[in-house]
C-alpha atoms as a PDB file:
ATOM      1  CA  MET A   1       0.000   0.000   0.000  1.00  0.00           C
ATOM      2  CA  ARG A   2       1.313   3.427  -0.953  1.00  0.00           C
ATOM      3  CA  GLU A   3       1.813   6.082   1.727  1.00  0.00           C
ATOM      4  CA  TYR A   4       0.636   9.636   1.067  1.00  0.00           C
ATOM      5  CA  SER A   5       1.642  12.748   2.942  1.00  0.00           C
ATOM      6  CA  ALA A   6      -0.663  15.434   4.260  1.00  0.00           C
ATOM      7  CA  TYR A   7       0.758  17.735   1.584  1.00  0.00           C
ATOM      8  CA  THR A   8      -0.286  15.302  -1.142  1.00  0.00           C
ATOM      9  CA  ALA A   9      -3.843  15.100   0.203  1.00  0.00           C
ATOM     10  CA  ILE A  10      -4.112  18.875   0.518  1.00  0.00           C
ATOM     11  CA  PHE A  11      -2.577  19.502  -2.904  1.00  0.00           C
ATOM     12  CA  TRP A  12      -4.954  17.147  -4.723  1.00  0.00           C
ATOM     13  CA  ALA A  13      -8.000  18.318  -2.765  1.00  0.00           C
ATOM     14  CA  GLY A  14      -7.155  21.957  -3.496  1.00  0.00           C
ATOM     15  CA  LEU A  15      -6.405  21.305  -7.154  1.00  0.00           C
ATOM     16  CA  THR A  16      -9.572  19.255  -7.651  1.00  0.00           C
ATOM     17  CA  CYS A  17     -11.673  21.890  -5.920  1.00  0.00           C
ATOM     18  CA  GLY A  18     -10.005  24.737  -7.806  1.00  0.00           C
ATOM     19  CA  VAL A  19     -10.555  23.182 -11.225  1.00  0.00           C
ATOM     20  CA  LEU A  20     -14.137  22.015 -10.641  1.00  0.00           C
ATOM     21  CA  ASP A  21     -15.175  25.209  -8.863  1.00  0.00           C
ATOM     22  CA  GLY A  22     -13.507  27.365 -11.514  1.00  0.00           C
ATOM     23  CA  ILE A  23     -15.445  25.602 -14.254  1.00  0.00           C
ATOM     24  CA  SER A  24     -18.710  25.720 -12.281  1.00  0.00           C
ATOM     25  CA  ALA A  25     -18.316  29.376 -11.323  1.00  0.00           C
ATOM     26  CA  THR A  26     -17.555  30.260 -14.944  1.00  0.00           C
ATOM     27  CA  VAL A  27     -20.764  28.561 -16.095  1.00  0.00           C
ATOM     28  CA  VAL A  28     -22.879  30.193 -13.368  1.00  0.00           C
ATOM     29  CA  SER A  29     -21.299  33.565 -14.073  1.00  0.00           C
ATOM     30  CA  TRP A  30     -21.999  33.134 -17.788  1.00  0.00           C
ATOM     31  CA  LEU A  31     -25.660  32.376 -16.977  1.00  0.00           C
ATOM     32  CA  PHE A  32     -25.783  35.772 -15.226  1.00  0.00           C
ATOM     33  CA  GLY A  33     -24.185  37.501 -18.234  1.00  0.00           C
ATOM     34  CA  GLY A  34     -20.574  37.441 -17.072  1.00  0.00           C
ATOM     35  CA  THR A  35     -17.383  36.309 -18.768  1.00  0.00           C
ATOM     36  CA  PRO A  36     -14.500  34.220 -17.437  1.00  0.00           C
ATOM     37  CA  ILE A  37     -12.160  37.238 -17.620  1.00  0.00           C
ATOM     38  CA  ARG A  38     -14.552  39.387 -15.600  1.00  0.00           C
ATOM     39  CA  LEU A  39     -15.152  36.558 -13.087  1.00  0.00           C
ATOM     40  CA  PHE A  40     -11.451  36.170 -12.339  1.00  0.00           C
ATOM     41  CA  GLN A  41     -10.877  39.932 -12.392  1.00  0.00           C
ATOM     42  CA  GLY A  42     -13.587  40.040  -9.734  1.00  0.00           C
ATOM     43  CA  ILE A  43     -11.518  37.672  -7.619  1.00  0.00           C
ATOM     44  CA  ALA A  44      -8.398  39.791  -8.194  1.00  0.00           C
ATOM     45  CA  SER A  45     -10.355  42.860  -7.114  1.00  0.00           C
ATOM     46  CA  GLY A  46     -10.188  41.436  -3.605  1.00  0.00           C
ATOM     47  CA  LEU A  47      -6.564  42.618  -3.630  1.00  0.00           C
ATOM     48  CA  LEU A  48      -6.540  45.301  -6.313  1.00  0.00           C
ATOM     49  CA  GLY A  49      -9.930  46.909  -5.815  1.00  0.00           C
ATOM     50  CA  ARG A  50     -11.885  48.247  -8.793  1.00  0.00           C
ATOM     51  CA  SER A  51      -8.689  48.760 -10.805  1.00  0.00           C
ATOM     52  CA  ALA A  52      -8.631  44.989 -11.428  1.00  0.00           C
ATOM     53  CA  PHE A  53     -11.377  45.462 -14.014  1.00  0.00           C
ATOM     54  CA  GLN A  54      -9.197  47.806 -16.082  1.00  0.00           C
ATOM     55  CA  ALA A  55      -6.052  45.670 -15.902  1.00  0.00           C
ATOM     56  CA  GLY A  56      -7.065  43.100 -18.533  1.00  0.00           C
ATOM     57  CA  LEU A  57      -5.672  39.596 -18.688  1.00  0.00           C
ATOM     58  CA  PRO A  58      -2.955  40.088 -16.020  1.00  0.00           C
ATOM     59  CA  SER A  59      -5.552  40.777 -13.330  1.00  0.00           C
ATOM     60  CA  ALA A  60      -7.649  37.827 -14.529  1.00  0.00           C
ATOM     61  CA  LEU A  61      -4.582  35.575 -14.193  1.00  0.00           C
ATOM     62  CA  LEU A  62      -4.000  36.960 -10.702  1.00  0.00           C
ATOM     63  CA  GLY A  63      -7.621  36.062  -9.984  1.00  0.00           C
ATOM     64  CA  VAL A  64      -7.011  32.486 -11.166  1.00  0.00           C
ATOM     65  CA  ALA A  65      -3.978  32.223  -8.863  1.00  0.00           C
ATOM     66  CA  LEU A  66      -5.965  33.640  -5.933  1.00  0.00           C
ATOM     67  CA  HIS A  67      -8.836  31.254  -6.708  1.00  0.00           C
ATOM     68  CA  PHE A  68      -6.472  28.282  -6.371  1.00  0.00           C
ATOM     69  CA  LEU A  69      -4.893  29.761  -3.242  1.00  0.00           C
ATOM     70  CA  VAL A  70      -8.347  29.936  -1.620  1.00  0.00           C
ATOM     71  CA  ALA A  71      -9.101  26.358  -2.739  1.00  0.00           C
ATOM     72  CA  LEU A  72      -5.821  25.157  -1.182  1.00  0.00           C
ATOM     73  CA  GLY A  73      -6.633  27.083   1.991  1.00  0.00           C
ATOM     74  CA  ALA A  74     -10.073  25.470   2.210  1.00  0.00           C
ATOM     75  CA  ALA A  75      -8.530  22.043   1.609  1.00  0.00           C
ATOM     76  CA  THR A  76      -5.934  22.689   4.325  1.00  0.00           C
ATOM     77  CA  VAL A  77      -8.619  23.640   6.858  1.00  0.00           C
ATOM     78  CA  TYR A  78     -10.709  20.552   6.056  1.00  0.00           C
ATOM     79  CA  TYR A  79      -7.721  18.217   6.133  1.00  0.00           C
ATOM     80  CA  THR A  80      -6.482  19.654   9.432  1.00  0.00           C
ATOM     81  CA  ALA A  81      -9.932  19.411  11.032  1.00  0.00           C
ATOM     82  CA  SER A  82     -10.306  15.824   9.783  1.00  0.00           C
ATOM     83  CA  ARG A  83      -7.266  14.767  11.829  1.00  0.00           C
ATOM     84  CA  SER A  84      -9.207  15.526  15.041  1.00  0.00           C
ATOM     85  CA  LEU A  85     -12.746  14.868  13.801  1.00  0.00           C
ATOM     86  CA  PRO A  86     -12.900  11.454  12.095  1.00  0.00           C
ATOM     87  CA  VAL A  87     -16.560  12.094  11.219  1.00  0.00           C
ATOM     88  CA  LEU A  88     -15.237  14.339   8.424  1.00  0.00           C
ATOM     89  CA  ILE A  89     -13.691  11.256   6.832  1.00  0.00           C
ATOM     90  CA  ASP A  90     -16.333   8.699   7.853  1.00  0.00           C
ATOM     91  CA  HIS A  91     -19.194  10.823   6.461  1.00  0.00           C
ATOM     92  CA  ALA A  92     -17.247  12.741   3.844  1.00  0.00           C
ATOM     93  CA  LEU A  93     -20.093  13.470   1.439  1.00  0.00           C
ATOM     94  CA  LEU A  94     -22.518  14.863   4.009  1.00  0.00           C
ATOM     95  CA  CYS A  95     -19.752  16.780   5.786  1.00  0.00           C
ATOM     96  CA  GLY A  96     -18.503  18.065   2.438  1.00  0.00           C
ATOM     97  CA  ILE A  97     -21.920  19.477   1.567  1.00  0.00           C
ATOM     98  CA  ALA A  98     -22.051  21.262   4.917  1.00  0.00           C
ATOM     99  CA  TYR A  99     -18.446  22.417   4.531  1.00  0.00           C
ATOM    100  CA  GLY A 100     -19.183  23.836   1.084  1.00  0.00           C
ATOM    101  CA  ALA A 101     -22.022  25.895   2.569  1.00  0.00           C
ATOM    102  CA  ALA A 102     -19.751  27.074   5.399  1.00  0.00           C
ATOM    103  CA  VAL A 103     -17.002  28.088   2.962  1.00  0.00           C
ATOM    104  CA  HIS A 104     -19.489  30.072   0.874  1.00  0.00           C
ATOM    105  CA  LEU A 105     -20.902  31.859   3.917  1.00  0.00           C
ATOM    106  CA  PHE A 106     -17.401  32.643   5.221  1.00  0.00           C
ATOM    107  CA  MET A 107     -16.267  34.029   1.876  1.00  0.00           C
ATOM    108  CA  THR A 108     -19.481  36.022   1.300  1.00  0.00           C
ATOM    109  CA  PHE A 109     -19.952  37.556   4.729  1.00  0.00           C
ATOM    110  CA  ILE A 110     -16.409  37.775   6.123  1.00  0.00           C
ATOM    111  CA  VAL A 111     -13.652  37.597   3.486  1.00  0.00           C
ATOM    112  CA  ILE A 112     -15.227  39.705   0.718  1.00  0.00           C
ATOM    113  CA  PRO A 113     -16.411  42.549   2.990  1.00  0.00           C
ATOM    114  CA  LEU A 114     -12.932  42.726   4.563  1.00  0.00           C
ATOM    115  CA  SER A 115     -11.184  42.703   1.164  1.00  0.00           C
ATOM    116  CA  ALA A 116     -10.645  45.606  -1.220  1.00  0.00           C
ATOM    117  CA  ILE A 117     -14.064  44.750  -2.689  1.00  0.00           C
ATOM    118  CA  GLY A 118     -15.794  45.771   0.514  1.00  0.00           C
ATOM    119  CA  SER A 119     -19.509  45.562   1.153  1.00  0.00           C
ATOM    120  CA  ARG A 120     -21.693  44.955  -1.852  1.00  0.00           C
ATOM    121  CA  PRO A 121     -25.423  44.568  -2.362  1.00  0.00           C
ATOM    122  CA  PHE A 122     -26.905  41.194  -1.462  1.00  0.00           C
ATOM    123  CA  VAL A 123     -28.476  39.546  -4.528  1.00  0.00           C
ATOM    124  CA  LEU A 124     -30.411  36.453  -3.483  1.00  0.00           C
ATOM    125  CA  LYS A 125     -30.426  34.845  -6.940  1.00  0.00           C
ATOM    126  CA  SER A 126     -26.644  34.869  -7.399  1.00  0.00           C
ATOM    127  CA  PHE A 127     -26.036  34.101  -3.700  1.00  0.00           C
ATOM    128  CA  ALA A 128     -28.219  30.975  -3.992  1.00  0.00           C
ATOM    129  CA  ALA A 129     -26.607  29.881  -7.268  1.00  0.00           C
ATOM    130  CA  PHE A 130     -23.071  30.144  -5.912  1.00  0.00           C
ATOM    131  CA  LEU A 131     -24.152  28.557  -2.597  1.00  0.00           C
ATOM    132  CA  LEU A 132     -25.415  25.563  -4.575  1.00  0.00           C
ATOM    133  CA  VAL A 133     -22.097  25.347  -6.433  1.00  0.00           C
ATOM    134  CA  SER A 134     -20.249  25.418  -3.115  1.00  0.00           C
ATOM    135  CA  MET A 135     -22.440  22.675  -1.654  1.00  0.00           C
ATOM    136  CA  VAL A 136     -22.256  20.427  -4.731  1.00  0.00           C
ATOM    137  CA  VAL A 137     -18.726  21.127  -5.944  1.00  0.00           C
ATOM    138  CA  VAL A 138     -16.475  22.891  -3.431  1.00  0.00           C
ATOM    139  CA  GLY A 139     -17.144  20.982  -0.216  1.00  0.00           C
ATOM    140  CA  PRO A 140     -17.570  17.490  -1.645  1.00  0.00           C
ATOM    141  CA  SER A 141     -14.551  17.780  -3.951  1.00  0.00           C
ATOM    142  CA  ILE A 142     -12.419  18.618  -0.929  1.00  0.00           C
ATOM    143  CA  SER A 143     -13.958  16.146   1.512  1.00  0.00           C
ATOM    144  CA  LEU A 144     -13.996  13.187  -0.872  1.00  0.00           C
ATOM    145  CA  THR A 145     -10.433  13.834  -2.030  1.00  0.00           C
ATOM    146  CA  VAL A 146      -9.201  14.183   1.555  1.00  0.00           C
ATOM    147  CA  ARG A 147     -10.987  10.927   2.418  1.00  0.00           C
ATOM    148  CA  ARG A 148      -9.395   9.167  -0.555  1.00  0.00           C
ATOM    149  CA  PHE A 149      -5.898  10.147   0.509  1.00  0.00           C
ATOM    150  CA  SER A 150      -6.563   9.755   4.242  1.00  0.00           C
ATOM    151  CA  ARG A 151      -7.159   6.045   3.865  1.00  0.00           C
ATOM    152  CA  HIS A 152      -3.457   5.733   3.014  1.00  0.00           C
ATOM    153  CA  ILE A 153      -1.907   8.185   5.479  1.00  0.00           C
END
């Protein structure tokens, strides 16, 4: 049986989450009239403020990098918590759904208001759409990947 490190579990959980969430968020954003460039510039605006939307492709690429950094951070938190709370591994799908909701709420109501974006109007339709993505994609992709690699650690 192959041994995996914590770093391997976190890396693959973050990468899986980042890719699947990036694709899902792009589709949802497109349904609301957005573009992938604007979506990732929106993420970069957390650091750059409104100027991110005038910076073209470089700010969109920064947004992609930040998107993956957040995914790795979320994977790190889940992995670390799973070392003390085996229920996160034993019931990975259910816990992943709940974790996805928690991540979305944390990002929406704490991280974004504290970033250079600041407070923004609450739009129930987009909030619900991205909450669903977090519950179906973000949380489960992290929890199931962490479970997969935890069986070998």
